[in-house]
Amino acid sequence: MKYLDKNLNRKQEQIKDYQNMNGTLIKVFERLSAEKKKYVSIFPHRNVSCLNNIYSICDTNRRYSSTKTPKEVSSKYIKELKEYNELRDAGLRLAQIIADEKQCKIKDVFEEIGYSMKD
């Protein structure tokens, strides 16, 4: 019986942790949404695809239903995070190729297209 109680308590703690993470992700989503609106209003003529990618990744948090197990939510989040990192790395490689062709720094390429290195 102690084994079952111990596992039950552990699972309940995991649920609380996931609920806290969910709350954190919602706050990040809302902050990024506000930043996106700010950047779109500052640079309406610029391509804001980078911000759109971040926005869509954070929006995945809203798609998780409460019927999924914490493990399913975690593995889906990790999968999407890996996909985002791969896309970001591909974008950085392309920017490096452009910088090499122009014989300038990658920072100059980012400034030219209207992004900061933090994006």
PDB file of N, CA and C in Angstrom:
ATOM      1  N   MET A   1       0.808  -1.188   0.000  1.00  0.00           N
ATOM      2  CA  MET A   1       0.000   0.000   0.000  1.00  0.00           C
ATOM      3  C   MET A   1       0.858   1.262   0.000  1.00  0.00           C
ATOM      4  N   LYS A   2       1.961   1.205   0.720  1.00  0.00           N
ATOM      5  CA  LYS A   2       2.835   2.372   0.765  1.00  0.00           C
ATOM      6  C   LYS A   2       3.379   2.700  -0.619  1.00  0.00           C
ATOM      7  N   TYR A   3       3.641   1.652  -1.396  1.00  0.00           N
ATOM      8  CA  TYR A   3       4.153   1.844  -2.750  1.00  0.00           C
ATOM      9  C   TYR A   3       3.147   2.614  -3.604  1.00  0.00           C
ATOM     10  N   LEU A   4       1.875   2.235  -3.509  1.00  0.00           N
ATOM     11  CA  LEU A   4       0.840   2.913  -4.285  1.00  0.00           C
ATOM     12  C   LEU A   4       0.664   4.364  -3.831  1.00  0.00           C
ATOM     13  N   ASP A   5       0.692   4.570  -2.523  1.00  0.00           N
ATOM     14  CA  ASP A   5       0.575   5.932  -1.993  1.00  0.00           C
ATOM     15  C   ASP A   5       1.751   6.799  -2.453  1.00  0.00           C
ATOM     16  N   LYS A   6       2.917   6.205  -2.421  1.00  0.00           N
ATOM     17  CA  LYS A   6       4.111   6.941  -2.838  1.00  0.00           C
ATOM     18  C   LYS A   6       4.005   7.318  -4.320  1.00  0.00           C
ATOM     19  N   ASN A   7       3.587   6.371  -5.163  1.00  0.00           N
ATOM     20  CA  ASN A   7       3.427   6.658  -6.588  1.00  0.00           C
ATOM     21  C   ASN A   7       2.331   7.681  -6.838  1.00  0.00           C
ATOM     22  N   LEU A   8       1.245   7.576  -6.083  1.00  0.00           N
ATOM     23  CA  LEU A   8       0.156   8.535  -6.224  1.00  0.00           C
ATOM     24  C   LEU A   8       0.630   9.938  -5.872  1.00  0.00           C
ATOM     25  N   ASN A   9       1.349  10.070  -4.780  1.00  0.00           N
ATOM     26  CA  ASN A   9       1.877  11.376  -4.377  1.00  0.00           C
ATOM     27  C   ASN A   9       2.842  11.934  -5.418  1.00  0.00           C
ATOM     28  N   ARG A  10       3.681  11.060  -5.964  1.00  0.00           N
ATOM     29  CA  ARG A  10       4.637  11.493  -6.986  1.00  0.00           C
ATOM     30  C   ARG A  10       3.906  11.991  -8.232  1.00  0.00           C
ATOM     31  N   LYS A  11       2.873  11.263  -8.637  1.00  0.00           N
ATOM     32  CA  LYS A  11       2.084  11.661  -9.811  1.00  0.00           C
ATOM     33  C   LYS A  11       1.349  12.973  -9.555  1.00  0.00           C
ATOM     34  N   GLN A  12       0.835  13.158  -8.361  1.00  0.00           N
ATOM     35  CA  GLN A  12       0.153  14.403  -8.029  1.00  0.00           C
ATOM     36  C   GLN A  12       1.125  15.579  -8.058  1.00  0.00           C
ATOM     37  N   GLU A  13       2.352  15.358  -7.584  1.00  0.00           N
ATOM     38  CA  GLU A  13       3.366  16.403  -7.637  1.00  0.00           C
ATOM     39  C   GLU A  13       3.734  16.730  -9.081  1.00  0.00           C
ATOM     40  N   GLN A  14       3.812  15.693  -9.922  1.00  0.00           N
ATOM     41  CA  GLN A  14       4.104  15.926 -11.336  1.00  0.00           C
ATOM     42  C   GLN A  14       2.997  16.740 -11.992  1.00  0.00           C
ATOM     43  N   ILE A  15       1.758  16.432 -11.656  1.00  0.00           N
ATOM     44  CA  ILE A  15       0.631  17.184 -12.211  1.00  0.00           C
ATOM     45  C   ILE A  15       0.724  18.645 -11.806  1.00  0.00           C
ATOM     46  N   LYS A  16       1.049  18.908 -10.539  1.00  0.00           N
ATOM     47  CA  LYS A  16       1.201  20.288 -10.078  1.00  0.00           C
ATOM     48  C   LYS A  16       2.334  20.985 -10.824  1.00  0.00           C
ATOM     49  N   ASP A  17       3.440  20.278 -11.024  1.00  0.00           N
ATOM     50  CA  ASP A  17       4.561  20.851 -11.777  1.00  0.00           C
ATOM     51  C   ASP A  17       4.147  21.199 -13.198  1.00  0.00           C
ATOM     52  N   TYR A  18       3.422  20.301 -13.845  1.00  0.00           N
ATOM     53  CA  TYR A  18       2.975  20.559 -15.218  1.00  0.00           C
ATOM     54  C   TYR A  18       1.970  21.699 -15.268  1.00  0.00           C
ATOM     55  N   GLN A  19       1.135  21.813 -14.266  1.00  0.00           N
ATOM     56  CA  GLN A  19       0.198  22.928 -14.221  1.00  0.00           C
ATOM     57  C   GLN A  19       0.953  24.248 -14.065  1.00  0.00           C
ATOM     58  N   ASN A  20       2.008  24.253 -13.229  1.00  0.00           N
ATOM     59  CA  ASN A  20       2.829  25.452 -13.080  1.00  0.00           C
ATOM     60  C   ASN A  20       3.538  25.796 -14.384  1.00  0.00           C
ATOM     61  N   MET A  21       4.059  24.763 -15.063  1.00  0.00           N
ATOM     62  CA  MET A  21       4.724  24.997 -16.347  1.00  0.00           C
ATOM     63  C   MET A  21       3.726  25.537 -17.361  1.00  0.00           C
ATOM     64  N   ASN A  22       2.523  25.027 -17.343  1.00  0.00           N
ATOM     65  CA  ASN A  22       1.488  25.501 -18.254  1.00  0.00           C
ATOM     66  C   ASN A  22       1.208  26.983 -18.004  1.00  0.00           C
ATOM     67  N   GLY A  23       1.100  27.359 -16.737  1.00  0.00           N
ATOM     68  CA  GLY A  23       0.875  28.765 -16.399  1.00  0.00           C
ATOM     69  C   GLY A  23       2.022  29.632 -16.872  1.00  0.00           C
ATOM     70  N   THR A  24       3.240  29.150 -16.714  1.00  0.00           N
ATOM     71  CA  THR A  24       4.413  29.893 -17.168  1.00  0.00           C
ATOM     72  C   THR A  24       4.389  30.056 -18.688  1.00  0.00           C
ATOM     73  N   LEU A  25       4.054  28.980 -19.386  1.00  0.00           N
ATOM     74  CA  LEU A  25       4.001  29.049 -20.849  1.00  0.00           C
ATOM     75  C   LEU A  25       2.924  30.013 -21.330  1.00  0.00           C
ATOM     76  N   ILE A  26       1.810  30.059 -20.644  1.00  0.00           N
ATOM     77  CA  ILE A  26       0.754  30.998 -21.018  1.00  0.00           C
ATOM     78  C   ILE A  26       1.241  32.430 -20.834  1.00  0.00           C
ATOM     79  N   LYS A  27       1.954  32.695 -19.750  1.00  0.00           N
ATOM     80  CA  LYS A  27       2.494  34.044 -19.528  1.00  0.00           C
ATOM     81  C   LYS A  27       3.508  34.410 -20.613  1.00  0.00           C
ATOM     82  N   VAL A  28       4.370  33.457 -20.985  1.00  0.00           N
ATOM     83  CA  VAL A  28       5.351  33.700 -22.053  1.00  0.00           C
ATOM     84  C   VAL A  28       4.623  33.960 -23.365  1.00  0.00           C
ATOM     85  N   PHE A  29       3.595  33.182 -23.636  1.00  0.00           N
ATOM     86  CA  PHE A  29       2.804  33.357 -24.851  1.00  0.00           C
ATOM     87  C   PHE A  29       2.204  34.762 -24.902  1.00  0.00           C
ATOM     88  N   GLU A  30       1.625  35.189 -23.805  1.00  0.00           N
ATOM     89  CA  GLU A  30       1.007  36.516 -23.767  1.00  0.00           C
ATOM     90  C   GLU A  30       2.051  37.621 -23.920  1.00  0.00           C
ATOM     91  N   ARG A  31       3.226  37.436 -23.307  1.00  0.00           N
ATOM     92  CA  ARG A  31       4.296  38.434 -23.444  1.00  0.00           C
ATOM     93  C   ARG A  31       4.786  38.495 -24.886  1.00  0.00           C
ATOM     94  N   LEU A  32       4.964  37.330 -25.502  1.00  0.00           N
ATOM     95  CA  LEU A  32       5.422  37.304 -26.891  1.00  0.00           C
ATOM     96  C   LEU A  32       4.371  37.872 -27.837  1.00  0.00           C
ATOM     97  N   SER A  33       3.107  37.645 -27.528  1.00  0.00           N
ATOM     98  CA  SER A  33       2.042  38.220 -28.349  1.00  0.00           C
ATOM     99  C   SER A  33       2.095  39.741 -28.299  1.00  0.00           C
ATOM    100  N   ALA A  34       2.320  40.275 -27.098  1.00  0.00           N
ATOM    101  CA  ALA A  34       2.415  41.725 -26.956  1.00  0.00           C
ATOM    102  C   ALA A  34       3.642  42.264 -27.698  1.00  0.00           C
ATOM    103  N   GLU A  35       4.767  41.543 -27.602  1.00  0.00           N
ATOM    104  CA  GLU A  35       5.972  41.963 -28.319  1.00  0.00           C
ATOM    105  C   GLU A  35       5.761  41.898 -29.824  1.00  0.00           C
ATOM    106  N   LYS A  36       5.074  40.881 -30.278  1.00  0.00           N
ATOM    107  CA  LYS A  36       4.816  40.758 -31.713  1.00  0.00           C
ATOM    108  C   LYS A  36       4.008  41.956 -32.200  1.00  0.00           C
ATOM    109  N   LYS A  37       2.967  42.310 -31.456  1.00  0.00           N
ATOM    110  CA  LYS A  37       2.155  43.460 -31.846  1.00  0.00           C
ATOM    111  C   LYS A  37       3.006  44.728 -31.882  1.00  0.00           C
ATOM    112  N   LYS A  38       3.920  44.852 -30.923  1.00  0.00           N
ATOM    113  CA  LYS A  38       4.786  46.029 -30.889  1.00  0.00           C
ATOM    114  C   LYS A  38       5.686  46.070 -32.114  1.00  0.00           C
ATOM    115  N   TYR A  39       6.306  44.945 -32.463  1.00  0.00           N
ATOM    116  CA  TYR A  39       7.204  44.905 -33.611  1.00  0.00           C
ATOM    117  C   TYR A  39       6.457  45.093 -34.925  1.00  0.00           C
ATOM    118  N   VAL A  40       5.267  44.534 -35.006  1.00  0.00           N
ATOM    119  CA  VAL A  40       4.493  44.697 -36.234  1.00  0.00           C
ATOM    120  C   VAL A  40       4.107  46.158 -36.408  1.00  0.00           C
ATOM    121  N   SER A  41       3.808  46.848 -35.318  1.00  0.00           N
ATOM    122  CA  SER A  41       3.451  48.260 -35.442  1.00  0.00           C
ATOM    123  C   SER A  41       4.673  49.118 -35.761  1.00  0.00           C
ATOM    124  N   ILE A  42       5.859  48.707 -35.296  1.00  0.00           N
ATOM    125  CA  ILE A  42       7.077  49.466 -35.582  1.00  0.00           C
ATOM    126  C   ILE A  42       7.551  49.205 -37.004  1.00  0.00           C
ATOM    127  N   PHE A  43       7.515  47.942 -37.428  1.00  0.00           N
ATOM    128  CA  PHE A  43       7.999  47.546 -38.747  1.00  0.00           C
ATOM    129  C   PHE A  43       6.876  46.915 -39.573  1.00  0.00           C
ATOM    130  N   PRO A  44       5.848  47.674 -39.934  1.00  0.00           N
ATOM    131  CA  PRO A  44       4.745  47.044 -40.662  1.00  0.00           C
ATOM    132  C   PRO A  44       5.151  46.559 -42.053  1.00  0.00           C
ATOM    133  N   HIS A  45       6.186  47.153 -42.627  1.00  0.00           N
ATOM    134  CA  HIS A  45       6.617  46.779 -43.969  1.00  0.00           C
ATOM    135  C   HIS A  45       7.634  45.652 -43.964  1.00  0.00           C
ATOM    136  N   ARG A  46       8.124  45.263 -42.801  1.00  0.00           N
ATOM    137  CA  ARG A  46       9.133  44.210 -42.701  1.00  0.00           C
ATOM    138  C   ARG A  46       8.471  42.838 -42.622  1.00  0.00           C
ATOM    139  N   ASN A  47       9.196  41.845 -43.031  1.00  0.00           N
ATOM    140  CA  ASN A  47       8.738  40.470 -42.906  1.00  0.00           C
ATOM    141  C   ASN A  47       8.985  40.033 -41.473  1.00  0.00           C
ATOM    142  N   VAL A  48       7.935  39.687 -40.780  1.00  0.00           N
ATOM    143  CA  VAL A  48       8.071  39.303 -39.372  1.00  0.00           C
ATOM    144  C   VAL A  48       7.890  37.798 -39.207  1.00  0.00           C
ATOM    145  N   SER A  49       8.419  37.045 -40.158  1.00  0.00           N
ATOM    146  CA  SER A  49       8.228  35.593 -40.099  1.00  0.00           C
ATOM    147  C   SER A  49       8.876  34.984 -38.866  1.00  0.00           C
ATOM    148  N   CYS A  50       9.996  35.534 -38.423  1.00  0.00           N
ATOM    149  CA  CYS A  50      10.646  35.001 -37.218  1.00  0.00           C
ATOM    150  C   CYS A  50       9.710  35.121 -36.022  1.00  0.00           C
ATOM    151  N   LEU A  51       9.079  36.278 -35.887  1.00  0.00           N
ATOM    152  CA  LEU A  51       8.139  36.466 -34.784  1.00  0.00           C
ATOM    153  C   LEU A  51       6.931  35.552 -34.956  1.00  0.00           C
ATOM    154  N   ASN A  52       6.484  35.355 -36.193  1.00  0.00           N
ATOM    155  CA  ASN A  52       5.355  34.463 -36.432  1.00  0.00           C
ATOM    156  C   ASN A  52       5.697  33.038 -36.036  1.00  0.00           C
ATOM    157  N   ASN A  53       6.940  32.607 -36.297  1.00  0.00           N
ATOM    158  CA  ASN A  53       7.354  31.260 -35.907  1.00  0.00           C
ATOM    159  C   ASN A  53       7.335  31.111 -34.389  1.00  0.00           C
ATOM    160  N   ILE A  54       7.865  32.102 -33.699  1.00  0.00           N
ATOM    161  CA  ILE A  54       7.869  32.059 -32.237  1.00  0.00           C
ATOM    162  C   ILE A  54       6.431  32.058 -31.722  1.00  0.00           C
ATOM    163  N   TYR A  55       5.597  32.903 -32.330  1.00  0.00           N
ATOM    164  CA  TYR A  55       4.196  33.002 -31.929  1.00  0.00           C
ATOM    165  C   TYR A  55       3.499  31.661 -32.095  1.00  0.00           C
ATOM    166  N   SER A  56       3.721  30.989 -33.219  1.00  0.00           N
ATOM    167  CA  SER A  56       3.035  29.718 -33.460  1.00  0.00           C
ATOM    168  C   SER A  56       3.541  28.623 -32.525  1.00  0.00           C
ATOM    169  N   ILE A  57       4.817  28.655 -32.195  1.00  0.00           N
ATOM    170  CA  ILE A  57       5.353  27.650 -31.272  1.00  0.00           C
ATOM    171  C   ILE A  57       4.757  27.846 -29.882  1.00  0.00           C
ATOM    172  N   CYS A  58       4.673  29.087 -29.447  1.00  0.00           N
ATOM    173  CA  CYS A  58       4.101  29.338 -28.126  1.00  0.00           C
ATOM    174  C   CYS A  58       2.605  29.051 -28.124  1.00  0.00           C
ATOM    175  N   ASP A  59       1.954  29.200 -29.267  1.00  0.00           N
ATOM    176  CA  ASP A  59       0.525  28.939 -29.361  1.00  0.00           C
ATOM    177  C   ASP A  59       0.211  27.452 -29.184  1.00  0.00           C
ATOM    178  N   THR A  60       1.200  26.592 -29.377  1.00  0.00           N
ATOM    179  CA  THR A  60       0.954  25.154 -29.218  1.00  0.00           C
ATOM    180  C   THR A  60       0.529  24.836 -27.790  1.00  0.00           C
ATOM    181  N   ASN A  61       0.935  25.668 -26.850  1.00  0.00           N
ATOM    182  CA  ASN A  61       0.544  25.441 -25.460  1.00  0.00           C
ATOM    183  C   ASN A  61      -0.977  25.447 -25.318  1.00  0.00           C
ATOM    184  N   ARG A  62      -1.634  26.280 -26.086  1.00  0.00           N
ATOM    185  CA  ARG A  62      -3.090  26.372 -25.992  1.00  0.00           C
ATOM    186  C   ARG A  62      -3.779  25.157 -26.618  1.00  0.00           C
ATOM    187  N   ARG A  63      -3.076  24.429 -27.460  1.00  0.00           N
ATOM    188  CA  ARG A  63      -3.672  23.277 -28.132  1.00  0.00           C
ATOM    189  C   ARG A  63      -3.654  22.026 -27.274  1.00  0.00           C
ATOM    190  N   TYR A  64      -2.902  22.018 -26.197  1.00  0.00           N
ATOM    191  CA  TYR A  64      -2.845  20.824 -25.362  1.00  0.00           C
ATOM    192  C   TYR A  64      -4.151  20.697 -24.581  1.00  0.00           C
ATOM    193  N   SER A  65      -4.757  19.556 -24.675  1.00  0.00           N
ATOM    194  CA  SER A  65      -6.000  19.350 -23.935  1.00  0.00           C
ATOM    195  C   SER A  65      -5.687  18.686 -22.602  1.00  0.00           C
ATOM    196  N   SER A  66      -6.610  18.790 -21.696  1.00  0.00           N
ATOM    197  CA  SER A  66      -6.384  18.228 -20.366  1.00  0.00           C
ATOM    198  C   SER A  66      -6.497  16.706 -20.372  1.00  0.00           C
ATOM    199  N   THR A  67      -6.920  16.107 -21.508  1.00  0.00           N
ATOM    200  CA  THR A  67      -7.037  14.660 -21.570  1.00  0.00           C
ATOM    201  C   THR A  67      -5.700  13.981 -21.835  1.00  0.00           C
ATOM    202  N   LYS A  68      -4.681  14.759 -22.207  1.00  0.00           N
ATOM    203  CA  LYS A  68      -3.367  14.175 -22.488  1.00  0.00           C
ATOM    204  C   LYS A  68      -2.600  13.987 -21.180  1.00  0.00           C
ATOM    205  N   THR A  69      -1.784  12.962 -21.179  1.00  0.00           N
ATOM    206  CA  THR A  69      -0.965  12.709 -19.996  1.00  0.00           C
ATOM    207  C   THR A  69       0.196  13.698 -19.976  1.00  0.00           C
ATOM    208  N   PRO A  70       0.762  13.937 -18.813  1.00  0.00           N
ATOM    209  CA  PRO A  70       1.918  14.841 -18.740  1.00  0.00           C
ATOM    210  C   PRO A  70       3.067  14.383 -19.642  1.00  0.00           C
ATOM    211  N   LYS A  71       3.262  13.083 -19.755  1.00  0.00           N
ATOM    212  CA  LYS A  71       4.334  12.576 -20.609  1.00  0.00           C
ATOM    213  C   LYS A  71       4.074  12.923 -22.069  1.00  0.00           C
ATOM    214  N   GLU A  72       2.818  12.813 -22.509  1.00  0.00           N
ATOM    215  CA  GLU A  72       2.470  13.168 -23.888  1.00  0.00           C
ATOM    216  C   GLU A  72       2.694  14.655 -24.147  1.00  0.00           C
ATOM    217  N   VAL A  73       2.308  15.475 -23.173  1.00  0.00           N
ATOM    218  CA  VAL A  73       2.494  16.919 -23.315  1.00  0.00           C
ATOM    219  C   VAL A  73       3.982  17.244 -23.387  1.00  0.00           C
ATOM    220  N   SER A  74       4.771  16.642 -22.514  1.00  0.00           N
ATOM    221  CA  SER A  74       6.210  16.900 -22.501  1.00  0.00           C
ATOM    222  C   SER A  74       6.863  16.456 -23.795  1.00  0.00           C
ATOM    223  N   SER A  75       6.533  15.274 -24.272  1.00  0.00           N
ATOM    224  CA  SER A  75       7.183  14.780 -25.483  1.00  0.00           C
ATOM    225  C   SER A  75       6.778  15.605 -26.698  1.00  0.00           C
ATOM    226  N   LYS A  76       5.523  16.055 -26.751  1.00  0.00           N
ATOM    227  CA  LYS A  76       5.102  16.912 -27.865  1.00  0.00           C
ATOM    228  C   LYS A  76       5.818  18.259 -27.800  1.00  0.00           C
ATOM    229  N   TYR A  77       5.919  18.822 -26.611  1.00  0.00           N
ATOM    230  CA  TYR A  77       6.613  20.104 -26.445  1.00  0.00           C
ATOM    231  C   TYR A  77       8.086  19.970 -26.842  1.00  0.00           C
ATOM    232  N   ILE A  78       8.735  18.909 -26.419  1.00  0.00           N
ATOM    233  CA  ILE A  78      10.148  18.688 -26.757  1.00  0.00           C
ATOM    234  C   ILE A  78      10.306  18.515 -28.264  1.00  0.00           C
ATOM    235  N   LYS A  79       9.398  17.788 -28.888  1.00  0.00           N
ATOM    236  CA  LYS A  79       9.451  17.587 -30.341  1.00  0.00           C
ATOM    237  C   LYS A  79       9.335  18.923 -31.070  1.00  0.00           C
ATOM    238  N   GLU A  80       8.387  19.758 -30.644  1.00  0.00           N
ATOM    239  CA  GLU A  80       8.205  21.055 -31.296  1.00  0.00           C
ATOM    240  C   GLU A  80       9.377  21.994 -31.011  1.00  0.00           C
ATOM    241  N   LEU A  81       9.950  21.897 -29.826  1.00  0.00           N
ATOM    242  CA  LEU A  81      11.115  22.707 -29.505  1.00  0.00           C
ATOM    243  C   LEU A  81      12.309  22.313 -30.376  1.00  0.00           C
ATOM    244  N   LYS A  82      12.482  21.009 -30.591  1.00  0.00           N
ATOM    245  CA  LYS A  82      13.557  20.542 -31.468  1.00  0.00           C
ATOM    246  C   LYS A  82      13.342  21.043 -32.892  1.00  0.00           C
ATOM    247  N   GLU A  83      12.090  21.005 -33.364  1.00  0.00           N
ATOM    248  CA  GLU A  83      11.787  21.488 -34.709  1.00  0.00           C
ATOM    249  C   GLU A  83      12.111  22.976 -34.830  1.00  0.00           C
ATOM    250  N   TYR A  84      11.724  23.751 -33.806  1.00  0.00           N
ATOM    251  CA  TYR A  84      12.033  25.185 -33.807  1.00  0.00           C
ATOM    252  C   TYR A  84      13.545  25.411 -33.855  1.00  0.00           C
ATOM    253  N   ASN A  85      14.289  24.681 -33.045  1.00  0.00           N
ATOM    254  CA  ASN A  85      15.748  24.842 -33.022  1.00  0.00           C
ATOM    255  C   ASN A  85      16.370  24.485 -34.359  1.00  0.00           C
ATOM    256  N   GLU A  86      15.854  23.446 -35.018  1.00  0.00           N
ATOM    257  CA  GLU A  86      16.370  23.076 -36.337  1.00  0.00           C
ATOM    258  C   GLU A  86      16.099  24.175 -37.355  1.00  0.00           C
ATOM    259  N   LEU A  87      14.888  24.739 -37.306  1.00  0.00           N
ATOM    260  CA  LEU A  87      14.547  25.831 -38.231  1.00  0.00           C
ATOM    261  C   LEU A  87      15.404  27.072 -37.968  1.00  0.00           C
ATOM    262  N   ARG A  88      15.603  27.382 -36.699  1.00  0.00           N
ATOM    263  CA  ARG A  88      16.435  28.535 -36.350  1.00  0.00           C
ATOM    264  C   ARG A  88      17.871  28.323 -36.822  1.00  0.00           C
ATOM    265  N   ASP A  89      18.401  27.118 -36.625  1.00  0.00           N
ATOM    266  CA  ASP A  89      19.759  26.819 -37.074  1.00  0.00           C
ATOM    267  C   ASP A  89      19.880  26.914 -38.585  1.00  0.00           C
ATOM    268  N   ALA A  90      18.854  26.437 -39.297  1.00  0.00           N
ATOM    269  CA  ALA A  90      18.875  26.539 -40.764  1.00  0.00           C
ATOM    270  C   ALA A  90      18.874  28.000 -41.194  1.00  0.00           C
ATOM    271  N   GLY A  91      18.083  28.820 -40.524  1.00  0.00           N
ATOM    272  CA  GLY A  91      18.052  30.250 -40.826  1.00  0.00           C
ATOM    273  C   GLY A  91      19.395  30.916 -40.564  1.00  0.00           C
ATOM    274  N   LEU A  92      20.034  30.535 -39.475  1.00  0.00           N
ATOM    275  CA  LEU A  92      21.351  31.099 -39.172  1.00  0.00           C
ATOM    276  C   LEU A  92      22.390  30.666 -40.196  1.00  0.00           C
ATOM    277  N   ARG A  93      22.291  29.421 -40.657  1.00  0.00           N
ATOM    278  CA  ARG A  93      23.222  28.961 -41.701  1.00  0.00           C
ATOM    279  C   ARG A  93      23.028  29.752 -42.992  1.00  0.00           C
ATOM    280  N   LEU A  94      21.763  29.997 -43.345  1.00  0.00           N
ATOM    281  CA  LEU A  94      21.490  30.790 -44.546  1.00  0.00           C
ATOM    282  C   LEU A  94      22.020  32.214 -44.398  1.00  0.00           C
ATOM    283  N   ALA A  95      21.824  32.797 -43.230  1.00  0.00           N
ATOM    284  CA  ALA A  95      22.335  34.147 -42.994  1.00  0.00           C
ATOM    285  C   ALA A  95      23.861  34.155 -43.065  1.00  0.00           C
ATOM    286  N   GLN A  96      24.494  33.093 -42.588  1.00  0.00           N
ATOM    287  CA  GLN A  96      25.962  33.008 -42.664  1.00  0.00           C
ATOM    288  C   GLN A  96      26.418  32.898 -44.114  1.00  0.00           C
ATOM    289  N   ILE A  97      25.686  32.152 -44.931  1.00  0.00           N
ATOM    290  CA  ILE A  97      26.030  32.043 -46.350  1.00  0.00           C
ATOM    291  C   ILE A  97      25.934  33.410 -47.022  1.00  0.00           C
ATOM    292  N   ILE A  98      24.886  34.152 -46.712  1.00  0.00           N
ATOM    293  CA  ILE A  98      24.724  35.500 -47.273  1.00  0.00           C
ATOM    294  C   ILE A  98      25.863  36.393 -46.816  1.00  0.00           C
ATOM    295  N   ALA A  99      26.206  36.307 -45.530  1.00  0.00           N
ATOM    296  CA  ALA A  99      27.302  37.137 -45.002  1.00  0.00           C
ATOM    297  C   ALA A  99      28.625  36.779 -45.682  1.00  0.00           C
ATOM    298  N   ASP A 100      28.846  35.494 -45.918  1.00  0.00           N
ATOM    299  CA  ASP A 100      30.072  35.081 -46.602  1.00  0.00           C
ATOM    300  C   ASP A 100      30.118  35.616 -48.024  1.00  0.00           C
ATOM    301  N   GLU A 101      28.980  35.583 -48.725  1.00  0.00           N
ATOM    302  CA  GLU A 101      28.931  36.085 -50.103  1.00  0.00           C
ATOM    303  C   GLU A 101      29.185  37.590 -50.151  1.00  0.00           C
ATOM    304  N   LYS A 102      28.632  38.302 -49.184  1.00  0.00           N
ATOM    305  CA  LYS A 102      28.806  39.759 -49.136  1.00  0.00           C
ATOM    306  C   LYS A 102      30.114  40.158 -48.469  1.00  0.00           C
ATOM    307  N   GLN A 103      30.800  39.200 -47.894  1.00  0.00           N
ATOM    308  CA  GLN A 103      32.043  39.432 -47.159  1.00  0.00           C
ATOM    309  C   GLN A 103      31.841  40.461 -46.043  1.00  0.00           C
ATOM    310  N   CYS A 104      30.841  40.174 -45.243  1.00  0.00           N
ATOM    311  CA  CYS A 104      30.546  41.035 -44.095  1.00  0.00           C
ATOM    312  C   CYS A 104      30.204  40.155 -42.906  1.00  0.00           C
ATOM    313  N   LYS A 105      29.915  40.779 -41.784  1.00  0.00           N
ATOM    314  CA  LYS A 105      29.547  40.041 -40.576  1.00  0.00           C
ATOM    315  C   LYS A 105      28.082  39.630 -40.650  1.00  0.00           C
ATOM    316  N   ILE A 106      27.766  38.547 -39.966  1.00  0.00           N
ATOM    317  CA  ILE A 106      26.384  38.075 -39.935  1.00  0.00           C
ATOM    318  C   ILE A 106      25.489  39.115 -39.257  1.00  0.00           C
ATOM    319  N   LYS A 107      26.058  39.863 -38.337  1.00  0.00           N
ATOM    320  CA  LYS A 107      25.320  40.922 -37.657  1.00  0.00           C
ATOM    321  C   LYS A 107      24.838  41.961 -38.663  1.00  0.00           C
ATOM    322  N   ASP A 108      25.675  42.287 -39.659  1.00  0.00           N
ATOM    323  CA  ASP A 108      25.290  43.253 -40.681  1.00  0.00           C
ATOM    324  C   ASP A 108      24.126  42.743 -41.521  1.00  0.00           C
ATOM    325  N   VAL A 109      24.115  41.446 -41.797  1.00  0.00           N
ATOM    326  CA  VAL A 109      23.016  40.848 -42.559  1.00  0.00           C
ATOM    327  C   VAL A 109      21.713  40.967 -41.771  1.00  0.00           C
ATOM    328  N   PHE A 110      21.772  40.677 -40.483  1.00  0.00           N
ATOM    329  CA  PHE A 110      20.573  40.779 -39.653  1.00  0.00           C
ATOM    330  C   PHE A 110      20.075  42.214 -39.579  1.00  0.00           C
ATOM    331  N   GLU A 111      20.984  43.163 -39.449  1.00  0.00           N
ATOM    332  CA  GLU A 111      20.574  44.564 -39.412  1.00  0.00           C
ATOM    333  C   GLU A 111      19.943  44.984 -40.727  1.00  0.00           C
ATOM    334  N   GLU A 112      20.469  44.470 -41.820  1.00  0.00           N
ATOM    335  CA  GLU A 112      19.950  44.805 -43.138  1.00  0.00           C
ATOM    336  C   GLU A 112      18.505  44.331 -43.326  1.00  0.00           C
ATOM    337  N   ILE A 113      18.175  43.171 -42.783  1.00  0.00           N
ATOM    338  CA  ILE A 113      16.821  42.655 -42.937  1.00  0.00           C
ATOM    339  C   ILE A 113      15.898  43.079 -41.792  1.00  0.00           C
ATOM    340  N   GLY A 114      16.418  43.808 -40.841  1.00  0.00           N
ATOM    341  CA  GLY A 114      15.574  44.363 -39.790  1.00  0.00           C
ATOM    342  C   GLY A 114      15.432  43.523 -38.535  1.00  0.00           C
ATOM    343  N   TYR A 115      16.320  42.578 -38.318  1.00  0.00           N
ATOM    344  CA  TYR A 115      16.291  41.763 -37.116  1.00  0.00           C
ATOM    345  C   TYR A 115      17.515  42.050 -36.273  1.00  0.00           C
ATOM    346  N   SER A 116      17.339  41.908 -34.959  1.00  0.00           N
ATOM    347  CA  SER A 116      18.502  42.000 -34.088  1.00  0.00           C
ATOM    348  C   SER A 116      19.050  40.598 -33.894  1.00  0.00           C
ATOM    349  N   MET A 117      20.252  40.496 -33.397  1.00  0.00           N
ATOM    350  CA  MET A 117      20.849  39.181 -33.166  1.00  0.00           C
ATOM    351  C   MET A 117      20.074  38.409 -32.083  1.00  0.00           C
ATOM    352  N   LYS A 118      19.312  39.094 -31.266  1.00  0.00           N
ATOM    353  CA  LYS A 118      18.542  38.422 -30.221  1.00  0.00           C
ATOM    354  C   LYS A 118      17.345  37.661 -30.791  1.00  0.00           C
ATOM    355  N   ASP A 119      16.853  38.096 -31.961  1.00  0.00           N
ATOM    356  CA  ASP A 119      15.721  37.403 -32.593  1.00  0.00           C
ATOM    357  C   ASP A 119      16.139  36.015 -32.966  1.00  0.00           C
TER     358      ASP A 119
END
